[in-house]
């Protein structure tokens, strides 16, 4: 019996041009980062987008952190 894919961050070329987004929404990881970088809080985000849960926001932040780390690792390897 197949199990449902519960990956909280997804990408589909037909939705937001393939930008990584929170599953079940049109809220991109980039949008979460911009909102929080503007000085607003996670609670502000959750109030503004009640269809997104706290785990979705946390997953977006983990996704962004992992991708930044991968990019830094690639840059370090290229400059070595």
N, C-alpha and C. Protein backbone atom coordinates (compact mmCIF):
# COMPACT_ATOMS: atom_id res chain seq x y z
N UNK A 1 0.85 -1.17 0.00
CA UNK A 1 0.00 0.00 0.00
C UNK A 1 0.89 1.24 0.00
N UNK A 2 0.79 2.12 -1.01
CA UNK A 2 1.66 3.31 -1.06
C UNK A 2 1.32 4.29 0.07
N UNK A 3 2.36 4.93 0.55
CA UNK A 3 2.16 5.94 1.59
C UNK A 3 2.15 7.32 0.95
N UNK A 4 1.43 8.23 1.56
CA UNK A 4 1.37 9.60 1.04
C UNK A 4 2.72 10.28 1.24
N UNK A 5 3.10 11.10 0.28
CA UNK A 5 4.33 11.88 0.40
C UNK A 5 4.01 13.07 1.30
N UNK A 6 4.65 13.14 2.44
CA UNK A 6 4.36 14.19 3.39
C UNK A 6 5.43 15.26 3.43
N UNK A 7 6.27 15.32 2.38
CA UNK A 7 7.30 16.34 2.31
C UNK A 7 6.63 17.71 2.37
N UNK A 8 6.99 18.53 3.36
CA UNK A 8 6.29 19.82 3.50
C UNK A 8 6.64 20.86 2.45
N UNK A 9 7.78 20.72 1.79
CA UNK A 9 8.17 21.67 0.75
C UNK A 9 8.17 20.93 -0.58
N UNK A 10 7.45 21.50 -1.54
CA UNK A 10 7.31 20.85 -2.85
C UNK A 10 7.62 21.84 -3.96
N UNK A 11 7.83 21.29 -5.14
CA UNK A 11 8.07 22.11 -6.31
C UNK A 11 7.35 21.47 -7.49
N UNK A 12 6.62 22.28 -8.24
CA UNK A 12 5.87 21.80 -9.40
C UNK A 12 5.97 22.89 -10.45
N UNK A 13 6.50 22.57 -11.63
CA UNK A 13 6.64 23.59 -12.66
C UNK A 13 5.32 24.30 -13.00
N UNK A 14 4.19 23.66 -12.74
CA UNK A 14 2.90 24.26 -13.06
C UNK A 14 2.39 25.21 -11.98
N UNK A 15 3.08 25.27 -10.85
CA UNK A 15 2.66 26.13 -9.74
C UNK A 15 3.82 27.05 -9.38
N UNK A 16 3.60 28.34 -9.45
CA UNK A 16 4.62 29.36 -9.13
C UNK A 16 5.90 29.16 -9.94
N UNK A 17 5.77 28.66 -11.14
CA UNK A 17 6.94 28.47 -11.99
C UNK A 17 7.96 27.50 -11.43
N UNK A 18 7.52 26.61 -10.55
CA UNK A 18 8.42 25.61 -9.98
C UNK A 18 9.16 26.06 -8.74
N UNK A 19 8.87 27.27 -8.25
CA UNK A 19 9.52 27.72 -7.01
C UNK A 19 9.15 26.78 -5.87
N UNK A 20 10.09 26.49 -4.98
CA UNK A 20 9.76 25.67 -3.82
C UNK A 20 8.70 26.38 -2.98
N UNK A 21 7.69 25.62 -2.54
CA UNK A 21 6.58 26.21 -1.81
C UNK A 21 6.10 25.26 -0.72
N UNK A 22 5.32 25.79 0.19
CA UNK A 22 4.74 24.97 1.24
C UNK A 22 3.61 24.13 0.63
N UNK A 23 3.67 22.84 0.84
CA UNK A 23 2.67 21.90 0.27
C UNK A 23 1.26 22.39 0.55
N UNK A 24 0.41 22.31 -0.47
CA UNK A 24 -0.99 22.67 -0.33
C UNK A 24 -1.27 24.16 -0.38
N UNK A 25 -0.24 24.95 -0.67
CA UNK A 25 -0.40 26.41 -0.73
C UNK A 25 0.31 26.95 -1.97
N UNK A 26 0.14 28.24 -2.18
CA UNK A 26 0.92 28.96 -3.18
C UNK A 26 1.90 29.90 -2.47
N UNK A 27 2.30 29.53 -1.26
CA UNK A 27 3.25 30.32 -0.47
C UNK A 27 4.64 29.75 -0.70
N UNK A 28 5.49 30.53 -1.37
CA UNK A 28 6.85 30.07 -1.67
C UNK A 28 7.76 30.23 -0.46
N UNK A 29 8.81 29.44 -0.46
CA UNK A 29 9.84 29.57 0.58
C UNK A 29 10.38 31.00 0.56
N UNK A 30 10.58 31.54 -0.62
CA UNK A 30 11.08 32.91 -0.76
C UNK A 30 10.14 33.90 -0.09
N UNK A 31 8.84 33.70 -0.24
CA UNK A 31 7.87 34.61 0.37
C UNK A 31 7.98 34.56 1.90
N UNK A 32 8.12 33.38 2.45
CA UNK A 32 8.29 33.24 3.91
C UNK A 32 9.53 34.00 4.35
N UNK A 33 10.63 33.82 3.64
CA UNK A 33 11.88 34.50 4.01
C UNK A 33 11.74 36.02 3.91
N UNK A 34 11.14 36.51 2.84
CA UNK A 34 10.97 37.96 2.70
C UNK A 34 10.09 38.52 3.81
N UNK A 35 9.03 37.83 4.15
CA UNK A 35 8.12 38.28 5.20
C UNK A 35 8.87 38.41 6.53
N UNK A 36 9.61 37.36 6.88
CA UNK A 36 10.33 37.37 8.15
C UNK A 36 11.49 38.37 8.13
N UNK A 37 12.15 38.49 6.99
CA UNK A 37 13.27 39.44 6.87
C UNK A 37 12.80 40.88 6.97
N UNK A 38 11.52 41.12 6.71
CA UNK A 38 11.00 42.48 6.80
C UNK A 38 10.78 42.91 8.25
N UNK A 39 11.04 42.00 9.17
CA UNK A 39 10.91 42.34 10.59
C UNK A 39 9.65 41.80 11.23
N UNK A 40 8.82 41.17 10.45
CA UNK A 40 7.60 40.59 11.01
C UNK A 40 7.93 39.23 11.64
N UNK A 41 7.11 38.80 12.55
CA UNK A 41 7.37 37.56 13.27
C UNK A 41 6.68 36.37 12.62
N UNK A 42 7.05 35.19 13.09
CA UNK A 42 6.39 33.97 12.65
C UNK A 42 4.90 34.03 12.98
N UNK A 43 4.59 34.53 14.18
CA UNK A 43 3.18 34.66 14.55
C UNK A 43 2.44 35.63 13.63
N UNK A 44 3.12 36.71 13.22
CA UNK A 44 2.52 37.64 12.25
C UNK A 44 2.22 36.91 10.94
N UNK A 45 3.16 36.08 10.51
CA UNK A 45 2.99 35.33 9.28
C UNK A 45 1.79 34.39 9.40
N UNK A 46 1.72 33.66 10.50
CA UNK A 46 0.63 32.71 10.69
C UNK A 46 -0.73 33.42 10.76
N UNK A 47 -0.74 34.62 11.31
CA UNK A 47 -1.99 35.40 11.36
C UNK A 47 -2.37 35.90 9.96
N UNK A 48 -1.38 36.29 9.18
CA UNK A 48 -1.64 36.80 7.84
C UNK A 48 -2.02 35.69 6.86
N UNK A 49 -1.55 34.49 7.11
CA UNK A 49 -1.80 33.35 6.23
C UNK A 49 -2.31 32.17 7.06
N UNK A 50 -3.55 32.25 7.52
CA UNK A 50 -4.07 31.23 8.44
C UNK A 50 -4.15 29.82 7.85
N UNK A 51 -4.04 29.69 6.54
CA UNK A 51 -4.05 28.36 5.93
C UNK A 51 -2.68 27.69 5.98
N UNK A 52 -1.68 28.39 6.50
CA UNK A 52 -0.34 27.83 6.68
C UNK A 52 -0.15 27.54 8.17
N UNK A 53 0.40 26.37 8.48
CA UNK A 53 0.63 26.06 9.89
C UNK A 53 2.09 26.31 10.25
N UNK A 54 2.36 26.26 11.54
CA UNK A 54 3.71 26.55 12.04
C UNK A 54 4.74 25.58 11.46
N UNK A 55 4.36 24.34 11.25
CA UNK A 55 5.29 23.36 10.67
C UNK A 55 5.65 23.75 9.24
N UNK A 56 4.72 24.31 8.49
CA UNK A 56 5.02 24.76 7.14
C UNK A 56 6.06 25.86 7.13
N UNK A 57 5.93 26.80 8.06
CA UNK A 57 6.92 27.89 8.17
C UNK A 57 8.27 27.32 8.58
N UNK A 58 8.27 26.42 9.57
CA UNK A 58 9.53 25.82 10.01
C UNK A 58 10.19 25.03 8.89
N UNK A 59 9.38 24.31 8.11
CA UNK A 59 9.92 23.55 6.98
C UNK A 59 10.54 24.48 5.93
N UNK A 60 9.89 25.61 5.68
CA UNK A 60 10.44 26.58 4.72
C UNK A 60 11.79 27.10 5.19
N UNK A 61 11.91 27.37 6.47
CA UNK A 61 13.18 27.86 7.01
C UNK A 61 14.26 26.78 6.95
N UNK A 62 13.89 25.54 7.27
CA UNK A 62 14.87 24.43 7.18
C UNK A 62 15.32 24.25 5.73
N UNK A 63 14.37 24.33 4.81
CA UNK A 63 14.69 24.18 3.39
C UNK A 63 15.67 25.26 2.95
N UNK A 64 15.39 26.50 3.32
CA UNK A 64 16.26 27.61 2.94
C UNK A 64 17.65 27.45 3.55
N UNK A 65 17.71 27.08 4.82
CA UNK A 65 19.00 26.90 5.49
C UNK A 65 19.82 25.80 4.82
N UNK A 66 19.18 24.70 4.49
CA UNK A 66 19.88 23.59 3.84
C UNK A 66 20.41 24.01 2.47
N UNK A 67 19.63 24.78 1.73
CA UNK A 67 20.07 25.21 0.41
C UNK A 67 21.18 26.23 0.48
N UNK A 68 21.15 27.10 1.45
CA UNK A 68 22.25 28.05 1.64
C UNK A 68 23.52 27.28 1.98
N UNK A 69 23.41 26.29 2.86
CA UNK A 69 24.58 25.49 3.23
C UNK A 69 25.15 24.78 2.02
N UNK A 70 24.29 24.20 1.18
CA UNK A 70 24.77 23.52 -0.04
C UNK A 70 25.49 24.50 -0.96
N UNK A 71 24.93 25.70 -1.11
CA UNK A 71 25.55 26.70 -1.98
C UNK A 71 26.91 27.13 -1.44
N UNK A 72 26.99 27.34 -0.12
CA UNK A 72 28.27 27.72 0.48
C UNK A 72 29.31 26.63 0.28
N UNK A 73 28.89 25.38 0.43
CA UNK A 73 29.81 24.26 0.24
C UNK A 73 30.31 24.22 -1.19
N UNK A 74 29.43 24.44 -2.16
CA UNK A 74 29.83 24.46 -3.56
C UNK A 74 30.81 25.60 -3.82
N UNK A 75 30.53 26.78 -3.27
CA UNK A 75 31.42 27.93 -3.48
C UNK A 75 32.80 27.67 -2.88
N UNK A 76 32.84 27.07 -1.71
CA UNK A 76 34.13 26.77 -1.08
C UNK A 76 34.91 25.77 -1.90
N UNK A 77 34.25 24.77 -2.44
CA UNK A 77 34.94 23.76 -3.25
C UNK A 77 35.48 24.38 -4.54
N UNK A 78 34.72 25.31 -5.14
CA UNK A 78 35.16 25.96 -6.37
C UNK A 78 36.36 26.86 -6.14
N UNK A 79 36.41 27.50 -4.98
CA UNK A 79 37.50 28.45 -4.74
C UNK A 79 38.76 27.78 -4.19
N UNK A 80 38.65 26.50 -3.88
CA UNK A 80 39.82 25.79 -3.31
C UNK A 80 40.83 25.44 -4.37
